Amino acid sequence: MTARAGRGHRGGGAGSLSERRWRLLGATAIGAFIAPFDGSVVAIALPKIGPALHLGFVGALWVQLSYLLVLTVALIPAGRLADAWGGLRLYRTGLVIFALASAAAGASTSTTWLLAARCTQGLGAALLSATSTALVTEAFPEAERGKALGLNVTAVYLGLALGPALGGLLTEQVGWRSIFYVNVPVAAASLVLGWRLTSGRHTESRRATPTGLDLPGVGLFVGALAAGMVGVSLAPVWGWTAVSSLALMVGGAGGVIGLVVYESRRSEPFLDVSLFRRSRLFATANLAALANYMAFAAVTVLTSVFLEVVSGRSPEQAGLLLIAAPAAMVALSWLAGRASDVVGSRWLASGGMAIIGAGLIMLSKLPAQPSMARLIGDLAIVGVGMAAFSSPNTSAVMGSVPRAQLGVASGTLGTMRFLGQTLSIGVLGALATSRLGAGGQAVLLTGRAQGTTAASAYVAGYHLAMVAGAGIAVVGAIASLTRPGHGKVLRPTSGRT
């Protein structure tokens, strides 16, 4: 149910309009939940999926990266389609695609099959992620935007929180295939909750005919991202100074530069560079989001390997310990969202990034057999920082653009988030395994590595990755501080309910 729909319905009264808004928030929150849930639930099961499908360490990382790559590339086109055709139609399509792809992933019997299913999941997740934030932003009035987006972000973090715990339980008790099958009833629940909203007479207003998709721009983006990530993820195996590694990484960087130049000259670009030029708030908040997820996203994947393979804990035990960070996010994100309605985003978001950096520095000193209290405390600090950052930063981005571009803004912000996740897993994952070599990576994927040379090498690499993440968090904090004013922008509200 969109805000336009609410304005068109005159017989329901204010109470009815409020009810429809919260039903919309509930339906889209499920979509906001399942995309990060699927990422975190897969992370905890990778040490089990690897031996079952004969994956190497790099192959296991690409089970994550393939999903994130497709998701990242598809977000901005999905946002443009949402602005043109209506977000609820696209949201519902995303749910169906995600559910079918999840079932296919659960039934996979080979690496190729699983990667194909993961790519399709990424497409469905892109449709969900590009529309969920925009629909909530459009439906709620300005004074309630931060609170509503805070609850939407809380659903994201709830997915992150339940992923490790439920994933560990399912992997241990039922088997790794169940972590994909569980997505099917969750997607069905969102469809049922939002069915009347998506099929009623007033649910979608007719929008402008969509313009043609900028295929050369999409191609440049896909090529640049794929080249860079393949180079970074395989550099520990090939060697960081190997010609193949350097060629791919340089090609990826060159592709990004070429993309910006090309898109700047197009009237209907795939990536609307002008949004970054026109609004310093939009530019700095998106840059901060990129740094935020680049610093944080790999922590769950790398720490799950640390706990299961190096420390010898079961997937179920590791999953319960990894709840600490997302639990703090769930508990505090709504509060940060409400605070941003009053004080703006600048200091909340910047302070959150600084806290994340402090937590990662503490994780960089983790011993091979950490105590539960220490690990939970370190992860919780990172979670507090994420909670302080995300809701205020999201509200700032969505408040810096006209209503007609909410879908594009949501897609751009989502691209920054998932590009950050992709780079995080690629770069920080490469650093974590940089001292292993192919033989050491095989040890990590075939069983416990306690007390082995490979375990010591991974611990050293993990420490290096956490320090690098802390440095990225500092960059994000600086970027966030440069946003204009205190980051509280109020768009004109004419016609808004």
Foldseek 3Di string as FASTA:
>chain_A
DFLQLVVVDDPQPPVSLVVVLVLLLVLLLLLLQVVLLLLLLLLLCLLVVCVQQVHFLLLSLLLNLLLLLLLLLCQLVLLLCCLQANLVVLLLVLLVQLLVLLLQLLVDRHSVSNSVSSNSNSNSSSSSQLRSLLRSCRSDALLCNLLSLLVSVLSNLVSNLVSLQVSLVCCVPPNNSVSSNVSNVSSVVSCVSCVCLSPPPSNDDHGHHGDDAPVVLSVLQSQLLVLQLVLLSCCLAQPCPDPSSVVSNVSSVVSVVVSVVVQVPDPDGSQNCVLVVVAVLLVLLLLLLLLLLLLPQCPSSLVSLLCCAAQPDGSNVSSNLLSLQSVLLSVQLSVLSNVCSPQAQQVLQLVLLLQLLVLLLQVLPADSHHDSVSSSVSSNSNNNSCSSRDSRSSSLQQQSDDSSSNSSSSSSSSSSNSSSNSNNSSNLVCQLCNQQYSVLSNSSSPHHQYPHPSSVSNSNSNSVSSNVSSVSSNVSSVSSNPHPDRSSHHDDQVPGD
